[in-house]
Amino acid sequence: MESLTDVIQLDLVPLVEAARKEAARLTAAVEGLAREVEHLAAELREGELRDTNRFLGLVLGQLGCPWERR
């Protein structure tokens, strides 16, 4: 039978360390996504996406796809 110290050192500590690393990885991914969303929102506010939106409408129209602006 393992002692409580063995369980903590052999099972719990590696599990907590792996969870900490995964949390750091997920935090970095979410921060990167937030930066991209902020960048796109800034472009949208500045009207830079207007031309892309117009081009997409033309392409979809030529392909016979319905196009709705919302």
N, C-alpha and C. Protein backbone atom coordinates (compact mmCIF):
# COMPACT_ATOMS: atom_id res chain seq x y z
N MET A 1 0.83 -1.18 0.00
CA MET A 1 0.00 0.00 0.00
C MET A 1 0.88 1.25 0.00
N GLU A 2 0.55 2.20 -0.89
CA GLU A 2 1.34 3.42 -0.99
C GLU A 2 0.98 4.40 0.11
N SER A 3 1.98 5.12 0.54
CA SER A 3 1.71 6.15 1.54
C SER A 3 1.11 7.38 0.86
N LEU A 4 0.55 8.25 1.66
CA LEU A 4 -0.04 9.48 1.13
C LEU A 4 1.02 10.32 0.41
N THR A 5 2.21 10.34 0.94
CA THR A 5 3.30 11.10 0.32
C THR A 5 3.62 10.53 -1.06
N ASP A 6 3.64 9.22 -1.18
CA ASP A 6 3.91 8.60 -2.48
C ASP A 6 2.82 8.93 -3.49
N VAL A 7 1.57 8.88 -3.06
CA VAL A 7 0.45 9.19 -3.95
C VAL A 7 0.56 10.62 -4.45
N ILE A 8 0.87 11.53 -3.53
CA ILE A 8 0.99 12.94 -3.91
C ILE A 8 2.15 13.14 -4.88
N GLN A 9 3.31 12.59 -4.55
CA GLN A 9 4.50 12.78 -5.39
C GLN A 9 4.41 12.05 -6.72
N LEU A 10 3.87 10.86 -6.73
CA LEU A 10 3.86 10.05 -7.94
C LEU A 10 2.64 10.28 -8.83
N ASP A 11 1.51 10.64 -8.24
CA ASP A 11 0.28 10.78 -9.02
C ASP A 11 -0.21 12.22 -9.12
N LEU A 12 -0.31 12.87 -7.99
CA LEU A 12 -0.94 14.19 -7.97
C LEU A 12 -0.03 15.28 -8.55
N VAL A 13 1.22 15.30 -8.20
CA VAL A 13 2.13 16.35 -8.68
C VAL A 13 2.25 16.32 -10.20
N PRO A 14 2.47 15.16 -10.85
CA PRO A 14 2.53 15.16 -12.32
C PRO A 14 1.21 15.58 -12.96
N LEU A 15 0.10 15.19 -12.35
CA LEU A 15 -1.20 15.58 -12.89
C LEU A 15 -1.40 17.09 -12.83
N VAL A 16 -1.06 17.69 -11.71
CA VAL A 16 -1.19 19.15 -11.56
C VAL A 16 -0.24 19.86 -12.52
N GLU A 17 0.95 19.36 -12.68
CA GLU A 17 1.92 19.98 -13.60
C GLU A 17 1.42 19.91 -15.05
N ALA A 18 0.87 18.78 -15.44
CA ALA A 18 0.32 18.65 -16.79
C ALA A 18 -0.87 19.59 -16.99
N ALA A 19 -1.72 19.71 -15.99
CA ALA A 19 -2.87 20.63 -16.07
C ALA A 19 -2.39 22.08 -16.18
N ARG A 20 -1.35 22.43 -15.44
CA ARG A 20 -0.80 23.79 -15.49
C ARG A 20 -0.24 24.10 -16.87
N LYS A 21 0.47 23.15 -17.47
CA LYS A 21 1.02 23.36 -18.81
C LYS A 21 -0.09 23.49 -19.84
N GLU A 22 -1.11 22.67 -19.73
CA GLU A 22 -2.24 22.74 -20.66
C GLU A 22 -2.99 24.06 -20.51
N ALA A 23 -3.15 24.52 -19.29
CA ALA A 23 -3.81 25.81 -19.05
C ALA A 23 -3.01 26.95 -19.67
N ALA A 24 -1.69 26.89 -19.57
CA ALA A 24 -0.84 27.92 -20.18
C ALA A 24 -0.96 27.89 -21.70
N ARG A 25 -1.00 26.70 -22.27
CA ARG A 25 -1.14 26.57 -23.72
C ARG A 25 -2.49 27.11 -24.19
N LEU A 26 -3.55 26.77 -23.48
CA LEU A 26 -4.88 27.26 -23.84
C LEU A 26 -4.99 28.77 -23.66
N THR A 27 -4.37 29.30 -22.62
CA THR A 27 -4.37 30.75 -22.39
C THR A 27 -3.70 31.46 -23.54
N ALA A 28 -2.57 30.96 -23.99
CA ALA A 28 -1.85 31.57 -25.11
C ALA A 28 -2.70 31.52 -26.39
N ALA A 29 -3.39 30.41 -26.60
CA ALA A 29 -4.24 30.28 -27.80
C ALA A 29 -5.40 31.27 -27.76
N VAL A 30 -6.03 31.41 -26.61
CA VAL A 30 -7.16 32.33 -26.48
C VAL A 30 -6.68 33.77 -26.64
N GLU A 31 -5.53 34.10 -26.09
CA GLU A 31 -4.98 35.45 -26.25
C GLU A 31 -4.68 35.75 -27.72
N GLY A 32 -4.15 34.77 -28.43
CA GLY A 32 -3.90 34.95 -29.86
C GLY A 32 -5.19 35.16 -30.64
N LEU A 33 -6.20 34.39 -30.31
CA LEU A 33 -7.50 34.55 -30.95
C LEU A 33 -8.09 35.92 -30.65
N ALA A 34 -7.96 36.39 -29.43
CA ALA A 34 -8.48 37.70 -29.06
C ALA A 34 -7.77 38.80 -29.85
N ARG A 35 -6.45 38.67 -30.04
CA ARG A 35 -5.71 39.66 -30.84
C ARG A 35 -6.21 39.69 -32.28
N GLU A 36 -6.47 38.51 -32.85
CA GLU A 36 -6.96 38.45 -34.23
C GLU A 36 -8.35 39.07 -34.35
N VAL A 37 -9.22 38.81 -33.39
CA VAL A 37 -10.57 39.38 -33.41
C VAL A 37 -10.48 40.90 -33.29
N GLU A 38 -9.62 41.40 -32.41
CA GLU A 38 -9.44 42.85 -32.28
C GLU A 38 -8.94 43.45 -33.59
N HIS A 39 -8.02 42.77 -34.25
CA HIS A 39 -7.48 43.26 -35.53
C HIS A 39 -8.59 43.32 -36.59
N LEU A 40 -9.37 42.26 -36.70
CA LEU A 40 -10.47 42.25 -37.66
C LEU A 40 -11.52 43.30 -37.34
N ALA A 41 -11.80 43.50 -36.06
CA ALA A 41 -12.77 44.52 -35.67
C ALA A 41 -12.27 45.91 -36.05
N ALA A 42 -10.97 46.15 -35.87
CA ALA A 42 -10.39 47.43 -36.25
C ALA A 42 -10.49 47.63 -37.76
N GLU A 43 -10.22 46.59 -38.53
CA GLU A 43 -10.34 46.69 -39.99
C GLU A 43 -11.78 46.97 -40.39
N LEU A 44 -12.69 46.32 -39.73
CA LEU A 44 -14.11 46.53 -40.03
C LEU A 44 -14.51 47.98 -39.73
N ARG A 45 -14.05 48.50 -38.59
CA ARG A 45 -14.36 49.89 -38.25
C ARG A 45 -13.77 50.85 -39.27
N GLU A 46 -12.62 50.52 -39.80
CA GLU A 46 -11.94 51.39 -40.76
C GLU A 46 -12.45 51.20 -42.18
N GLY A 47 -13.34 50.26 -42.38
CA GLY A 47 -13.92 50.03 -43.69
C GLY A 47 -13.07 49.21 -44.64
N GLU A 48 -11.99 48.62 -44.15
CA GLU A 48 -11.11 47.85 -45.02
C GLU A 48 -11.77 46.56 -45.50
N LEU A 49 -12.76 46.08 -44.80
CA LEU A 49 -13.41 44.84 -45.22
C LEU A 49 -14.53 45.10 -46.24
N ARG A 50 -14.87 46.35 -46.45
CA ARG A 50 -15.96 46.67 -47.37
C ARG A 50 -15.65 46.15 -48.77
N ASP A 51 -14.43 46.37 -49.26
CA ASP A 51 -14.05 45.90 -50.59
C ASP A 51 -14.08 44.37 -50.66
N THR A 52 -13.61 43.72 -49.62
CA THR A 52 -13.64 42.26 -49.59
C THR A 52 -15.08 41.76 -49.62
N ASN A 53 -15.95 42.41 -48.89
CA ASN A 53 -17.35 42.04 -48.85
C ASN A 53 -17.99 42.20 -50.24
N ARG A 54 -17.67 43.29 -50.90
CA ARG A 54 -18.20 43.55 -52.24
C ARG A 54 -17.68 42.49 -53.23
N PHE A 55 -16.40 42.18 -53.16
CA PHE A 55 -15.80 41.18 -54.03
C PHE A 55 -16.43 39.81 -53.79
N LEU A 56 -16.65 39.47 -52.53
CA LEU A 56 -17.28 38.19 -52.21
C LEU A 56 -18.68 38.11 -52.80
N GLY A 57 -19.42 39.21 -52.73
CA GLY A 57 -20.76 39.24 -53.32
C GLY A 57 -20.72 39.02 -54.81
N LEU A 58 -19.74 39.63 -55.49
CA LEU A 58 -19.61 39.45 -56.94
C LEU A 58 -19.29 37.99 -57.29
N VAL A 59 -18.36 37.43 -56.58
CA VAL A 59 -17.95 36.04 -56.84
C VAL A 59 -19.12 35.09 -56.59
N LEU A 60 -19.81 35.26 -55.45
CA LEU A 60 -20.92 34.38 -55.16
C LEU A 60 -22.05 34.56 -56.18
N GLY A 61 -22.26 35.79 -56.64
CA GLY A 61 -23.28 36.03 -57.67
C GLY A 61 -22.94 35.33 -58.97
N GLN A 62 -21.65 35.35 -59.34
CA GLN A 62 -21.22 34.69 -60.57
C GLN A 62 -21.34 33.17 -60.46
N LEU A 63 -21.23 32.66 -59.25
CA LEU A 63 -21.35 31.22 -59.04
C LEU A 63 -22.81 30.79 -58.89
N GLY A 64 -23.71 31.76 -58.87
CA GLY A 64 -25.13 31.44 -58.73
C GLY A 64 -25.56 31.17 -57.31
N CYS A 65 -24.76 31.60 -56.37
CA CYS A 65 -25.09 31.38 -54.95
C CYS A 65 -25.88 32.58 -54.42
N PRO A 66 -26.84 32.33 -53.56
CA PRO A 66 -27.55 33.46 -52.95
C PRO A 66 -26.62 34.22 -52.02
N TRP A 67 -26.78 35.51 -51.97
CA TRP A 67 -25.93 36.35 -51.14
C TRP A 67 -26.80 37.31 -50.35
N GLU A 68 -26.67 37.25 -49.04
CA GLU A 68 -27.43 38.16 -48.18
C GLU A 68 -26.45 38.98 -47.37
N ARG A 69 -26.72 40.24 -47.30
CA ARG A 69 -25.93 41.09 -46.40
C ARG A 69 -26.72 41.25 -45.12
N ARG A 70 -26.06 41.07 -44.04
CA ARG A 70 -26.74 41.20 -42.73
C ARG A 70 -26.10 42.26 -41.94
